[in-house]
């Protein structure tokens, strides 16, 4: 999670190191991004972090393909943000 107000990111400690590094890059990107659309913000943050850590990105995608996580994404898309 990126806290733009305090300029700090929070990352789960139980992630594998490569995934943790990818998530860190992803969340740090959010601190500087000014886009309004959450979809566009996520695309840009994922792309920027994936270019620097492609293995972490792929591993993160694999770990994110759980029923609960996919349900969370689906609810967020339906809600519109």
N, C-alpha and C. Protein backbone atom coordinates (compact mmCIF):
# COMPACT_ATOMS: atom_id res chain seq x y z
N UNK A 1 0.84 -1.17 0.00
CA UNK A 1 0.00 0.00 0.00
C UNK A 1 0.88 1.24 0.00
N UNK A 2 0.52 2.22 -0.81
CA UNK A 2 1.26 3.48 -0.86
C UNK A 2 0.47 4.56 -0.12
N UNK A 3 1.11 5.21 0.82
CA UNK A 3 0.52 6.33 1.56
C UNK A 3 1.13 7.61 1.00
N UNK A 4 0.43 8.20 0.04
CA UNK A 4 0.95 9.38 -0.65
C UNK A 4 1.13 10.57 0.28
N UNK A 5 0.25 10.71 1.24
CA UNK A 5 0.31 11.85 2.16
C UNK A 5 1.60 11.84 2.97
N UNK A 6 1.99 10.66 3.45
CA UNK A 6 3.20 10.55 4.27
C UNK A 6 4.42 10.08 3.48
N UNK A 7 4.22 9.82 2.17
CA UNK A 7 5.31 9.42 1.28
C UNK A 7 6.00 8.14 1.78
N UNK A 8 5.18 7.14 2.12
CA UNK A 8 5.71 5.88 2.62
C UNK A 8 4.90 4.74 2.01
N UNK A 9 5.55 3.58 1.86
CA UNK A 9 4.85 2.39 1.35
C UNK A 9 4.91 1.30 2.41
N UNK A 10 3.87 0.47 2.40
CA UNK A 10 3.77 -0.66 3.31
C UNK A 10 3.69 -1.94 2.48
N UNK A 11 4.50 -2.92 2.84
CA UNK A 11 4.56 -4.17 2.09
C UNK A 11 4.53 -5.33 3.07
N UNK A 12 3.76 -6.36 2.74
CA UNK A 12 3.67 -7.55 3.58
C UNK A 12 5.05 -8.18 3.76
N UNK A 13 5.35 -8.60 4.96
CA UNK A 13 6.64 -9.21 5.25
C UNK A 13 6.73 -10.66 4.81
N UNK A 14 5.58 -11.32 4.59
CA UNK A 14 5.60 -12.75 4.29
C UNK A 14 5.75 -13.06 2.80
N UNK A 15 6.00 -12.06 1.98
CA UNK A 15 6.19 -12.29 0.55
C UNK A 15 7.59 -12.79 0.25
N UNK A 16 7.74 -13.61 -0.79
CA UNK A 16 9.10 -14.01 -1.21
C UNK A 16 9.90 -12.75 -1.59
N UNK A 17 11.21 -12.77 -1.41
CA UNK A 17 12.03 -11.58 -1.66
C UNK A 17 11.84 -10.94 -3.04
N UNK A 18 11.81 -11.72 -4.11
CA UNK A 18 11.63 -11.14 -5.46
C UNK A 18 10.27 -10.47 -5.59
N UNK A 19 9.25 -11.08 -5.02
CA UNK A 19 7.90 -10.49 -5.07
C UNK A 19 7.87 -9.22 -4.23
N UNK A 20 8.47 -9.27 -3.06
CA UNK A 20 8.53 -8.09 -2.18
C UNK A 20 9.24 -6.93 -2.89
N UNK A 21 10.32 -7.22 -3.60
CA UNK A 21 11.03 -6.17 -4.34
C UNK A 21 10.16 -5.59 -5.46
N UNK A 22 9.42 -6.46 -6.16
CA UNK A 22 8.52 -5.98 -7.21
C UNK A 22 7.42 -5.09 -6.61
N UNK A 23 6.80 -5.56 -5.52
CA UNK A 23 5.72 -4.78 -4.90
C UNK A 23 6.25 -3.43 -4.41
N UNK A 24 7.45 -3.42 -3.88
CA UNK A 24 8.06 -2.16 -3.43
C UNK A 24 8.20 -1.19 -4.60
N UNK A 25 8.72 -1.65 -5.72
CA UNK A 25 8.85 -0.79 -6.90
C UNK A 25 7.48 -0.31 -7.38
N UNK A 26 6.51 -1.20 -7.38
CA UNK A 26 5.14 -0.88 -7.79
C UNK A 26 4.56 0.23 -6.90
N UNK A 27 4.67 0.05 -5.60
CA UNK A 27 4.09 1.02 -4.67
C UNK A 27 4.85 2.35 -4.68
N UNK A 28 6.16 2.32 -4.83
CA UNK A 28 6.93 3.56 -4.93
C UNK A 28 6.52 4.35 -6.17
N UNK A 29 6.20 3.64 -7.25
CA UNK A 29 5.72 4.32 -8.46
C UNK A 29 4.42 5.08 -8.17
N UNK A 30 3.55 4.48 -7.37
CA UNK A 30 2.29 5.14 -7.03
C UNK A 30 2.51 6.47 -6.32
N UNK A 31 3.58 6.59 -5.56
CA UNK A 31 3.83 7.83 -4.83
C UNK A 31 4.03 9.03 -5.75
N UNK A 32 4.51 8.78 -6.96
CA UNK A 32 4.77 9.89 -7.88
C UNK A 32 3.75 10.01 -9.01
N UNK A 33 2.88 9.03 -9.13
CA UNK A 33 1.92 9.01 -10.24
C UNK A 33 0.76 9.98 -9.98
N UNK A 34 0.40 10.74 -10.99
CA UNK A 34 -0.69 11.71 -10.87
C UNK A 34 -1.94 11.32 -11.65
N UNK A 35 -1.94 10.15 -12.27
CA UNK A 35 -3.09 9.71 -13.06
C UNK A 35 -4.33 9.59 -12.16
N UNK A 36 -5.49 9.85 -12.73
CA UNK A 36 -6.73 9.79 -11.96
C UNK A 36 -7.40 8.42 -12.03
N UNK A 37 -7.31 7.76 -13.14
CA UNK A 37 -7.95 6.46 -13.32
C UNK A 37 -7.16 5.38 -12.57
N UNK A 38 -7.83 4.65 -11.69
CA UNK A 38 -7.11 3.63 -10.93
C UNK A 38 -6.61 2.52 -11.85
N UNK A 39 -7.33 2.23 -12.92
CA UNK A 39 -6.88 1.20 -13.86
C UNK A 39 -5.57 1.63 -14.52
N UNK A 40 -5.54 2.85 -15.00
CA UNK A 40 -4.33 3.37 -15.66
C UNK A 40 -3.18 3.44 -14.66
N UNK A 41 -3.46 3.83 -13.42
CA UNK A 41 -2.42 3.88 -12.38
C UNK A 41 -1.82 2.48 -12.15
N UNK A 42 -2.66 1.47 -12.10
CA UNK A 42 -2.18 0.11 -11.88
C UNK A 42 -1.37 -0.40 -13.07
N UNK A 43 -1.85 -0.10 -14.28
CA UNK A 43 -1.11 -0.53 -15.48
C UNK A 43 0.28 0.09 -15.49
N UNK A 44 0.36 1.40 -15.24
CA UNK A 44 1.66 2.08 -15.25
C UNK A 44 2.58 1.58 -14.15
N UNK A 45 2.05 1.39 -12.94
CA UNK A 45 2.88 0.93 -11.82
C UNK A 45 3.39 -0.49 -12.08
N UNK A 46 2.53 -1.35 -12.62
CA UNK A 46 2.96 -2.71 -12.94
C UNK A 46 4.02 -2.72 -14.04
N UNK A 47 3.81 -1.93 -15.07
CA UNK A 47 4.77 -1.89 -16.18
C UNK A 47 6.13 -1.37 -15.71
N UNK A 48 6.12 -0.29 -14.96
CA UNK A 48 7.38 0.30 -14.49
C UNK A 48 8.15 -0.68 -13.60
N UNK A 49 7.43 -1.34 -12.69
CA UNK A 49 8.09 -2.29 -11.79
C UNK A 49 8.52 -3.56 -12.53
N UNK A 50 7.71 -4.01 -13.48
CA UNK A 50 8.04 -5.23 -14.24
C UNK A 50 9.29 -5.04 -15.10
N UNK A 51 9.49 -3.84 -15.61
CA UNK A 51 10.70 -3.58 -16.41
C UNK A 51 11.96 -3.71 -15.56
N UNK A 52 11.86 -3.38 -14.28
CA UNK A 52 13.01 -3.45 -13.38
C UNK A 52 13.15 -4.83 -12.71
N UNK A 53 12.04 -5.54 -12.59
CA UNK A 53 12.06 -6.83 -11.89
C UNK A 53 11.07 -7.79 -12.55
N UNK A 54 11.39 -8.28 -13.75
CA UNK A 54 10.44 -9.16 -14.45
C UNK A 54 10.16 -10.47 -13.73
N UNK A 55 11.14 -11.04 -13.06
CA UNK A 55 10.91 -12.30 -12.34
C UNK A 55 9.94 -12.07 -11.18
N UNK A 56 10.12 -10.98 -10.46
CA UNK A 56 9.21 -10.64 -9.36
C UNK A 56 7.80 -10.40 -9.86
N UNK A 57 7.67 -9.76 -11.02
CA UNK A 57 6.36 -9.51 -11.62
C UNK A 57 5.65 -10.82 -11.94
N UNK A 58 6.36 -11.73 -12.63
CA UNK A 58 5.75 -13.01 -13.01
C UNK A 58 5.35 -13.80 -11.77
N UNK A 59 6.21 -13.83 -10.78
CA UNK A 59 5.93 -14.54 -9.55
C UNK A 59 4.73 -13.92 -8.83
N UNK A 60 4.66 -12.60 -8.84
CA UNK A 60 3.54 -11.89 -8.22
C UNK A 60 2.22 -12.24 -8.92
N UNK A 61 2.24 -12.31 -10.25
CA UNK A 61 1.04 -12.69 -11.00
C UNK A 61 0.59 -14.09 -10.61
N UNK A 62 1.53 -15.01 -10.54
CA UNK A 62 1.20 -16.39 -10.18
C UNK A 62 0.59 -16.45 -8.77
N UNK A 63 1.20 -15.76 -7.83
CA UNK A 63 0.69 -15.77 -6.46
C UNK A 63 -0.64 -15.06 -6.33
N UNK A 64 -0.94 -14.17 -7.26
CA UNK A 64 -2.20 -13.42 -7.21
C UNK A 64 -3.38 -14.16 -7.82
N UNK A 65 -3.13 -15.31 -8.39
CA UNK A 65 -4.19 -16.07 -9.07
C UNK A 65 -4.88 -17.05 -8.13
N UNK A 66 -5.26 -16.57 -6.97
CA UNK A 66 -6.05 -17.38 -6.04
C UNK A 66 -7.51 -16.97 -6.15
N UNK A 67 -8.38 -17.82 -5.72
CA UNK A 67 -9.81 -17.52 -5.79
C UNK A 67 -10.15 -16.24 -5.02
N UNK A 68 -9.61 -16.11 -3.81
CA UNK A 68 -9.90 -14.92 -3.00
C UNK A 68 -9.39 -13.65 -3.66
N UNK A 69 -8.17 -13.71 -4.17
CA UNK A 69 -7.56 -12.52 -4.79
C UNK A 69 -8.30 -12.14 -6.06
N UNK A 70 -8.64 -13.12 -6.89
CA UNK A 70 -9.38 -12.83 -8.11
C UNK A 70 -10.76 -12.26 -7.79
N UNK A 71 -11.38 -12.76 -6.72
CA UNK A 71 -12.66 -12.21 -6.27
C UNK A 71 -12.54 -10.76 -5.85
N UNK A 72 -11.46 -10.44 -5.15
CA UNK A 72 -11.20 -9.06 -4.75
C UNK A 72 -11.07 -8.16 -5.98
N UNK A 73 -10.31 -8.61 -6.97
CA UNK A 73 -10.15 -7.82 -8.19
C UNK A 73 -11.50 -7.62 -8.88
N UNK A 74 -12.29 -8.69 -8.96
CA UNK A 74 -13.59 -8.62 -9.62
C UNK A 74 -14.52 -7.63 -8.91
N UNK A 75 -14.55 -7.69 -7.57
CA UNK A 75 -15.39 -6.74 -6.82
C UNK A 75 -14.94 -5.30 -7.03
N UNK A 76 -13.65 -5.10 -7.09
CA UNK A 76 -13.14 -3.74 -7.31
C UNK A 76 -13.50 -3.23 -8.70
N UNK A 77 -13.42 -4.09 -9.69
CA UNK A 77 -13.78 -3.70 -11.05
C UNK A 77 -15.27 -3.37 -11.13
N UNK A 78 -16.11 -4.21 -10.53
CA UNK A 78 -17.55 -3.96 -10.53
C UNK A 78 -17.91 -2.66 -9.82
N UNK A 79 -17.20 -2.37 -8.74
CA UNK A 79 -17.45 -1.16 -7.95
C UNK A 79 -16.99 0.08 -8.71
N UNK A 80 -16.01 -0.09 -9.58
CA UNK A 80 -15.50 1.04 -10.36
C UNK A 80 -14.39 1.81 -9.67
N UNK A 81 -13.73 1.23 -8.72
CA UNK A 81 -12.61 1.90 -8.09
C UNK A 81 -12.45 1.48 -6.72
